[in-house]
Amino acid sequence: MAAAARTVRMAPRLAGLGRPVIARSAPSVAQRAAFSVSAGRFKSEVIKETEVPVSVYSPDSKGTASSSSDHFTIPVKNNSRPLEPSPEEEDVVPLQDKVYNQLPRTLQKMSVHGKVIIITGGARGLGNHMARACAEAGAKAIVIFDANQDLGDESAAELHQKTGLPVSFFKVDVRDGHAIDAAVQNVVDLYGTPDVLVNSAGIADSNIKAETYDPAMFRRLIDINLTGSFLMSQSVGRAMMAAGKPGSIILVASMSGSIVNFPQEQSCYNASKAGVIQLGKSLAAEWAKYNIRVNCISPGYMDTALNKVPALDAQKKIWKQLTPQNRLGAVDDLNGLCVFLASDASGFMTGSNVIIDGGYTLY
């Protein structure tokens, strides 16, 4: 995702009636350390670019994946954690035109055949898996926006090699509006106006008490999670409007925007995701007249690489016990919903916040 974070997208609520009895002991020092961003020095500044590095991978004249790529930079006009391992080695087989043409009309509508899709935070984690799903579902081109140059370029190259599709990576911090505008314009120049934005970039600060939370950390979290969602939506939305083109914007929020988590304290993260949900509803109301749909995905506890550390085992046990399906979400559990919201099958759906949590919020 856009910046280092020591936790996962999460959302579940305080235990209510009918839940199993669970001791609510305070998290250990080790658990807090694994879940928290240091309240000391950290990078709070926006990663501003005077030029945006771009890597473009295109198939050759025969439509097969190319081993070479174009690397260049685009100018930005100023008008005023450790890397995760790559997703498991797996085949990513894109939907071919011949197969698409043989599908029934309903299944055709449930694909993203011929669509240009921008995915922020797409270099790793849930964003990368959604990028792969969109490639499988027939996307014309995949564009990854991420603040991590090395991992972003590696992910774009890998997806291109696996699919043969045009894939580009733009090193963009979602807090930098001018860089976003420059990058989106270049996407238009390369592939045409984007049809879909999946805004998956975000960070999470957790196991930090509200009374001790550093205000600078709060501003940084709001800037990435909420302001970043707005700036990306604004830029892509304007491009769609200028082209008179319908589109779908998908904001990845969290169940934490609707409920309160237990046992960890994370009031500021919860507030940021509540803002994303309300932003999505508001944009949906404003932009319906342009035939631009805006919906939110709100995941529950997801079993991402950031979550696979021994210090979290005790909390993960609690999360599972409070989830009817008794498991965390798999890294590909958002894929089907993402493709559906990006596709024409959800054409009468806008302003929705879809909770996907294994039943956690039923209690």
Protein backbone atom coordinates (compact mmCIF):
# COMPACT_ATOMS: atom_id res chain seq x y z
CA MET A 1 0.00 0.00 0.00
CA ALA A 2 0.98 3.61 -0.18
CA ALA A 3 3.08 3.79 2.92
CA ALA A 4 4.46 1.49 5.56
CA ALA A 5 1.92 0.45 8.14
CA ARG A 6 2.16 -2.11 10.85
CA THR A 7 -1.32 -3.51 10.73
CA VAL A 8 -4.08 -4.66 8.44
CA ARG A 9 -7.37 -3.31 7.22
CA MET A 10 -9.76 -4.11 9.99
CA ALA A 11 -13.07 -3.26 11.34
CA PRO A 12 -14.88 -5.31 13.92
CA ARG A 13 -17.00 -3.93 16.75
CA LEU A 14 -17.04 -4.15 20.55
CA ALA A 15 -18.49 -7.41 21.77
CA GLY A 16 -22.24 -7.30 22.19
CA LEU A 17 -24.97 -9.61 23.41
CA GLY A 18 -24.63 -13.17 22.22
CA ARG A 19 -20.86 -13.06 21.69
CA PRO A 20 -18.58 -15.60 23.31
CA VAL A 21 -17.14 -14.62 26.64
CA ILE A 22 -13.58 -13.44 26.06
CA ALA A 23 -11.16 -12.00 28.56
CA ARG A 24 -10.50 -8.38 27.60
CA SER A 25 -7.00 -8.08 28.90
CA ALA A 26 -4.87 -5.26 27.61
CA PRO A 27 -2.55 -6.15 24.74
CA SER A 28 0.99 -6.97 25.75
CA VAL A 29 3.93 -4.68 25.14
CA ALA A 30 5.04 -6.96 22.32
CA GLN A 31 1.59 -6.83 20.73
CA ARG A 32 1.51 -3.06 20.94
CA ALA A 33 4.93 -2.81 19.37
CA ALA A 34 3.87 -5.03 16.50
CA PHE A 35 0.76 -2.96 15.87
CA SER A 36 2.00 0.58 16.41
CA VAL A 37 3.83 3.22 14.50
CA SER A 38 6.50 4.85 16.63
CA ALA A 39 5.38 8.07 18.23
CA GLY A 40 8.91 9.35 17.79
CA ARG A 41 10.38 10.47 14.51
CA PHE A 42 8.68 9.23 11.36
CA LYS A 43 8.13 10.46 7.82
CA SER A 44 5.19 12.82 8.01
CA GLU A 45 6.04 14.87 4.95
CA VAL A 46 4.36 14.29 1.61
CA ILE A 47 6.67 12.59 -0.89
CA LYS A 48 6.49 15.38 -3.46
CA GLU A 49 7.79 14.76 -6.94
CA THR A 50 9.08 17.29 -9.46
CA GLU A 51 9.00 14.41 -11.94
CA VAL A 52 6.97 11.18 -11.77
CA PRO A 53 8.96 8.07 -12.75
CA VAL A 54 6.96 5.85 -15.13
CA SER A 55 7.54 2.27 -16.30
CA VAL A 56 5.45 1.02 -19.25
CA TYR A 57 5.33 -2.64 -20.23
CA SER A 58 3.66 -3.35 -23.59
CA PRO A 59 3.15 -6.56 -25.57
CA ASP A 60 5.02 -6.94 -28.85
CA SER A 61 3.37 -6.93 -32.28
CA LYS A 62 2.35 -10.57 -31.82
CA GLY A 63 0.61 -9.84 -28.51
CA THR A 64 3.10 -11.68 -26.33
CA ALA A 65 4.75 -10.33 -23.21
CA SER A 66 7.89 -8.32 -23.87
CA SER A 67 11.02 -8.50 -21.76
CA SER A 68 11.78 -4.83 -22.37
CA SER A 69 10.06 -1.72 -21.12
CA ASP A 70 10.00 2.03 -21.55
CA HIS A 71 11.23 4.06 -18.60
CA PHE A 72 10.69 7.79 -18.55
CA THR A 73 9.56 10.62 -16.32
CA ILE A 74 6.72 13.09 -16.65
CA PRO A 75 6.94 16.61 -15.22
CA VAL A 76 4.83 17.71 -12.28
CA LYS A 77 3.46 21.21 -12.44
CA ASN A 78 3.28 22.90 -9.05
CA ASN A 79 0.63 25.53 -9.36
CA SER A 80 0.96 27.16 -6.07
CA ARG A 81 8.41 -0.79 6.30
CA PRO A 82 9.91 -3.25 4.88
CA LEU A 83 8.89 -4.60 1.48
CA GLU A 84 6.36 -7.40 1.48
CA PRO A 85 7.17 -10.50 -0.52
CA SER A 86 5.52 -10.77 -3.92
CA PRO A 87 2.17 -12.60 -4.01
CA GLU A 88 2.44 -16.36 -4.32
CA GLU A 89 3.60 -17.60 -7.68
CA GLU A 90 0.37 -18.26 -9.52
CA ASP A 91 -0.93 -18.08 -13.03
CA VAL A 92 -2.81 -14.95 -14.06
CA VAL A 93 -4.71 -15.77 -17.23
CA PRO A 94 -6.44 -12.77 -18.81
CA LEU A 95 -9.86 -13.06 -20.43
CA GLN A 96 -9.30 -13.38 -24.18
CA ASP A 97 -11.53 -11.68 -26.75
CA LYS A 98 -12.50 -15.03 -28.24
CA VAL A 99 -13.66 -16.34 -24.87
CA TYR A 100 -15.43 -13.09 -24.03
CA ASN A 101 -17.40 -13.18 -27.27
CA GLN A 102 -18.65 -16.67 -26.40
CA LEU A 103 -19.90 -15.69 -22.95
CA PRO A 104 -23.60 -15.11 -22.24
CA ARG A 105 -24.55 -11.46 -21.95
CA THR A 106 -24.80 -11.60 -18.16
CA LEU A 107 -21.27 -12.92 -17.77
CA GLN A 108 -19.97 -10.38 -20.27
CA LYS A 109 -21.39 -7.62 -18.09
CA MET A 110 -19.67 -9.13 -15.06
CA SER A 111 -16.25 -8.76 -16.68
CA VAL A 112 -14.12 -5.61 -17.09
CA HIS A 113 -13.44 -6.38 -20.74
CA GLY A 114 -11.73 -3.46 -22.49
CA LYS A 115 -11.51 -1.24 -19.42
CA VAL A 116 -8.53 0.87 -18.33
CA ILE A 117 -8.12 0.45 -14.58
CA ILE A 118 -6.02 2.49 -12.13
CA ILE A 119 -5.26 0.82 -8.80
CA THR A 120 -3.55 2.75 -6.00
CA GLY A 121 -1.55 0.77 -3.48
CA GLY A 122 -1.38 -1.88 -6.18
CA ALA A 123 2.26 -2.83 -5.67
CA ARG A 124 1.49 -5.33 -2.92
CA GLY A 125 -1.10 -6.81 -0.61
CA LEU A 126 -4.81 -6.57 -1.28
CA GLY A 127 -4.33 -3.92 -3.98
CA ASN A 128 -2.01 -6.17 -5.94
CA HIS A 129 -4.42 -9.09 -5.75
CA MET A 130 -7.24 -6.87 -7.01
CA ALA A 131 -5.01 -5.73 -9.89
CA ARG A 132 -4.45 -9.38 -10.82
CA ALA A 133 -8.18 -10.08 -10.63
CA CYS A 134 -8.95 -7.17 -12.96
CA ALA A 135 -6.35 -8.49 -15.41
CA GLU A 136 -8.01 -11.92 -15.33
CA ALA A 137 -11.42 -10.34 -15.85
CA GLY A 138 -10.45 -8.75 -19.15
CA ALA A 139 -8.98 -5.33 -18.44
CA LYS A 140 -7.50 -3.52 -21.43
CA ALA A 141 -4.68 -2.06 -19.33
CA ILE A 142 -3.68 -2.04 -15.66
CA VAL A 143 -2.09 1.04 -14.10
CA ILE A 144 -0.50 0.82 -10.66
CA PHE A 145 0.00 3.93 -8.53
CA ASP A 146 2.21 3.39 -5.48
CA ALA A 147 4.80 5.32 -3.47
CA ASN A 148 7.29 2.43 -3.48
CA GLN A 149 9.44 2.64 -6.61
CA ASP A 150 11.20 -0.75 -6.43
CA LEU A 151 8.19 -2.83 -5.45
CA GLY A 152 5.88 -0.99 -7.84
CA ASP A 153 8.16 -1.53 -10.82
CA GLU A 154 8.68 -5.16 -9.85
CA SER A 155 4.92 -5.76 -9.51
CA ALA A 156 4.14 -4.11 -12.84
CA ALA A 157 6.84 -6.13 -14.63
CA GLU A 158 5.60 -9.37 -13.06
CA LEU A 159 1.96 -8.74 -13.98
CA HIS A 160 2.93 -7.86 -17.55
CA GLN A 161 5.04 -11.00 -17.89
CA LYS A 162 2.26 -13.20 -16.51
CA THR A 163 -0.51 -11.73 -18.68
CA GLY A 164 1.03 -10.01 -21.68
CA LEU A 165 -1.27 -7.05 -20.95
CA PRO A 166 -0.12 -3.44 -21.03
CA VAL A 167 0.83 -2.59 -17.43
CA SER A 168 2.26 0.69 -16.15
CA PHE A 169 3.59 1.81 -12.81
CA PHE A 170 3.58 5.42 -11.62
CA LYS A 171 5.49 6.33 -8.47
CA VAL A 172 2.94 8.62 -6.85
CA ASP A 173 2.24 9.59 -3.26
CA VAL A 174 -1.55 9.91 -2.96
CA ARG A 175 -1.06 13.07 -0.87
CA ASP A 176 0.56 14.88 -3.80
CA GLY A 177 -2.26 16.31 -5.89
CA HIS A 178 -0.02 17.77 -8.60
CA ALA A 179 1.76 14.43 -9.15
CA ILE A 180 -1.60 12.66 -9.27
CA ASP A 181 -2.88 15.05 -11.96
CA ALA A 182 0.28 14.62 -14.04
CA ALA A 183 0.11 10.84 -13.76
CA VAL A 184 -3.60 10.63 -14.59
CA GLN A 185 -3.08 12.81 -17.66
CA ASN A 186 -0.30 10.50 -18.79
CA VAL A 187 -2.60 7.50 -18.34
CA VAL A 188 -5.08 9.25 -20.64
CA ASP A 189 -2.32 9.82 -23.19
CA LEU A 190 -1.16 6.18 -23.01
CA TYR A 191 -4.42 4.25 -22.89
CA GLY A 192 -7.32 6.69 -23.05
CA THR A 193 -9.52 7.92 -20.23
CA PRO A 194 -9.60 5.47 -17.30
CA ASP A 195 -12.82 3.55 -16.81
CA VAL A 196 -12.17 2.48 -13.22
CA LEU A 197 -10.30 3.72 -10.16
CA VAL A 198 -9.66 1.31 -7.30
CA ASN A 199 -8.28 3.37 -4.42
CA SER A 200 -6.60 0.80 -2.19
CA ALA A 201 -3.73 2.93 -0.82
CA GLY A 202 -3.85 3.41 2.93
CA ILE A 203 -2.11 2.96 6.26
CA ALA A 204 -3.26 1.93 9.73
CA ASP A 205 -2.05 3.00 13.16
CA SER A 206 -3.35 0.67 15.85
CA ASN A 207 -2.92 -0.20 19.52
CA ILE A 208 -2.35 3.47 20.29
CA LYS A 209 -4.53 5.09 22.93
CA ALA A 210 -6.34 8.23 21.81
CA GLU A 211 -4.99 10.23 24.74
CA THR A 212 -1.39 9.50 23.75
CA TYR A 213 -1.78 9.61 19.97
CA ASP A 214 0.64 12.07 18.35
CA PRO A 215 -1.35 14.79 16.48
CA ALA A 216 1.25 14.74 13.70
CA MET A 217 0.59 11.03 13.23
CA PHE A 218 -3.14 11.73 13.10
CA ARG A 219 -2.67 14.34 10.36
CA ARG A 220 -0.48 11.93 8.37
CA LEU A 221 -3.03 9.13 8.64
CA ILE A 222 -5.92 11.39 7.60
CA ASP A 223 -3.81 12.77 4.74
CA ILE A 224 -3.10 9.32 3.28
CA ASN A 225 -6.39 7.56 3.97
CA LEU A 226 -8.93 10.34 3.49
CA THR A 227 -7.29 13.21 1.61
CA GLY A 228 -5.60 10.70 -0.69
CA SER A 229 -8.97 9.13 -1.49
CA PHE A 230 -10.36 12.55 -2.34
CA LEU A 231 -7.42 13.68 -4.50
CA MET A 232 -7.40 10.44 -6.50
CA SER A 233 -11.18 10.50 -6.98
CA GLN A 234 -11.10 14.16 -7.94
CA SER A 235 -8.40 13.73 -10.58
CA VAL A 236 -9.81 10.57 -12.16
CA GLY A 237 -13.36 11.93 -11.90
CA ARG A 238 -12.37 15.10 -13.76
CA ALA A 239 -10.77 13.03 -16.52
CA MET A 240 -13.97 11.01 -16.90
CA MET A 241 -16.09 14.17 -16.99
CA ALA A 242 -13.84 15.84 -19.58
CA ALA A 243 -14.18 12.81 -21.84
CA GLY A 244 -17.91 12.48 -21.22
CA LYS A 245 -17.20 8.90 -20.22
CA PRO A 246 -19.05 6.84 -17.59
CA GLY A 247 -16.88 5.30 -14.91
CA SER A 248 -16.64 3.46 -11.61
CA ILE A 249 -14.68 4.64 -8.59
CA ILE A 250 -14.10 2.11 -5.81
CA LEU A 251 -12.80 3.34 -2.46
CA VAL A 252 -11.35 0.73 -0.14
CA ALA A 253 -12.56 1.76 3.31
CA SER A 254 -12.85 -0.58 6.30
CA MET A 255 -15.35 -2.00 8.71
CA SER A 256 -13.58 0.25 11.15
CA GLY A 257 -15.48 3.11 9.50
CA SER A 258 -18.75 1.65 10.77
CA ILE A 259 -17.91 -0.03 14.09
CA VAL A 260 -15.31 0.08 16.87
CA ASN A 261 -12.53 -2.50 17.02
CA PHE A 262 -11.72 -4.81 19.92
CA PRO A 263 -9.37 -5.34 21.69
CA GLN A 264 -7.00 -2.83 20.08
CA GLU A 265 -7.38 0.95 20.34
CA GLN A 266 -7.40 2.75 16.98
CA SER A 267 -9.85 5.65 17.15
CA CYS A 268 -7.98 7.75 14.59
CA TYR A 269 -7.84 4.99 11.98
CA ASN A 270 -11.54 4.35 12.51
CA ALA A 271 -12.32 8.04 12.01
CA SER A 272 -10.34 8.15 8.77
CA LYS A 273 -12.24 5.21 7.32
CA ALA A 274 -15.59 6.63 8.40
CA GLY A 275 -14.59 9.71 6.41
CA VAL A 276 -13.82 7.59 3.35
CA ILE A 277 -17.28 5.98 3.49
CA GLN A 278 -19.04 9.34 3.75
CA LEU A 279 -16.83 10.77 1.00
CA GLY A 280 -17.87 7.90 -1.25
CA LYS A 281 -21.56 8.50 -0.60
CA SER A 282 -21.22 12.23 -1.18
CA LEU A 283 -19.29 11.87 -4.43
CA ALA A 284 -21.83 9.28 -5.62
CA ALA A 285 -24.63 11.81 -5.11
CA GLU A 286 -22.74 14.63 -6.83
CA TRP A 287 -21.42 12.67 -9.80
CA ALA A 288 -24.40 10.49 -10.67
CA LYS A 289 -25.36 13.11 -13.27
CA TYR A 290 -22.06 12.37 -15.04
CA ASN A 291 -22.75 8.61 -14.94
CA ILE A 292 -19.83 8.14 -12.57
CA ARG A 293 -20.52 5.59 -9.86
CA VAL A 294 -18.75 5.66 -6.49
CA ASN A 295 -18.89 2.74 -4.06
CA CYS A 296 -16.89 1.57 -1.04
CA ILE A 297 -15.51 -1.82 -0.07
CA SER A 298 -15.19 -2.27 3.70
CA PRO A 299 -13.05 -5.30 4.55
CA GLY A 300 -12.90 -6.96 7.94
CA TYR A 301 -9.77 -8.56 9.35
CA MET A 302 -7.66 -9.73 6.42
CA ASP A 303 -4.85 -12.29 6.58
CA THR A 304 -2.25 -10.20 4.77
CA ALA A 305 1.54 -10.45 5.14
CA LEU A 306 1.51 -7.52 7.58
CA ASN A 307 -0.68 -9.57 9.86
CA LYS A 308 1.45 -12.72 9.90
CA VAL A 309 3.66 -12.01 12.91
CA PRO A 310 3.79 -14.06 16.13
CA ALA A 311 3.11 -11.03 18.33
CA LEU A 312 -0.41 -10.80 16.88
CA ASP A 313 -1.38 -14.42 17.52
CA ALA A 314 -3.35 -13.61 20.69
CA GLN A 315 -5.33 -10.84 19.04
CA LYS A 316 -5.95 -12.90 15.90
CA LYS A 317 -7.47 -15.62 18.08
CA ILE A 318 -9.93 -13.07 19.48
CA TRP A 319 -10.76 -11.72 16.02
CA LYS A 320 -11.50 -15.22 14.74
CA GLN A 321 -13.67 -16.09 17.76
CA LEU A 322 -15.75 -12.99 17.11
CA THR A 323 -16.22 -13.84 13.42
CA PRO A 324 -19.01 -16.31 12.51
CA GLN A 325 -16.85 -17.86 9.75
CA ASN A 326 -14.08 -18.31 12.34
CA ARG A 327 -11.32 -17.10 10.02
CA LEU A 328 -9.61 -14.00 8.71
CA GLY A 329 -10.21 -12.91 5.15
CA ALA A 330 -7.92 -14.42 2.51
CA VAL A 331 -5.88 -12.06 0.35
CA ASP A 332 -8.12 -12.75 -2.64
CA ASP A 333 -11.46 -12.47 -0.84
CA LEU A 334 -12.00 -8.91 -2.12
CA ASN A 335 -11.31 -9.80 -5.75
CA GLY A 336 -14.79 -10.82 -6.83
CA LEU A 337 -16.41 -7.78 -5.23
CA CYS A 338 -13.83 -5.46 -6.78
CA VAL A 339 -14.43 -6.85 -10.27
CA PHE A 340 -18.21 -6.68 -9.78
CA LEU A 341 -18.13 -3.02 -8.73
CA ALA A 342 -15.79 -2.20 -11.61
CA SER A 343 -18.00 -4.01 -14.12
CA ASP A 344 -21.17 -2.95 -15.88
CA ALA A 345 -23.06 -5.58 -13.87
CA SER A 346 -23.17 -3.06 -10.99
CA GLY A 347 -24.39 -0.26 -13.25
CA PHE A 348 -27.35 0.66 -11.00
CA MET A 349 -25.25 0.61 -7.86
CA THR A 350 -23.73 3.78 -6.45
CA GLY A 351 -23.18 5.23 -2.99
CA SER A 352 -23.03 1.77 -1.43
CA ASN A 353 -20.66 0.63 1.29
CA VAL A 354 -20.26 -3.14 0.97
CA ILE A 355 -19.04 -4.84 4.14
CA ILE A 356 -17.07 -8.02 3.52
CA ASP A 357 -16.09 -9.42 6.91
CA GLY A 358 -16.99 -13.08 7.31
CA GLY A 359 -20.05 -12.00 9.30
CA TYR A 360 -18.15 -10.09 12.00
CA THR A 361 -20.59 -7.19 12.21
CA LEU A 362 -23.57 -9.53 12.62
CA TYR A 363 -22.90 -9.54 16.35
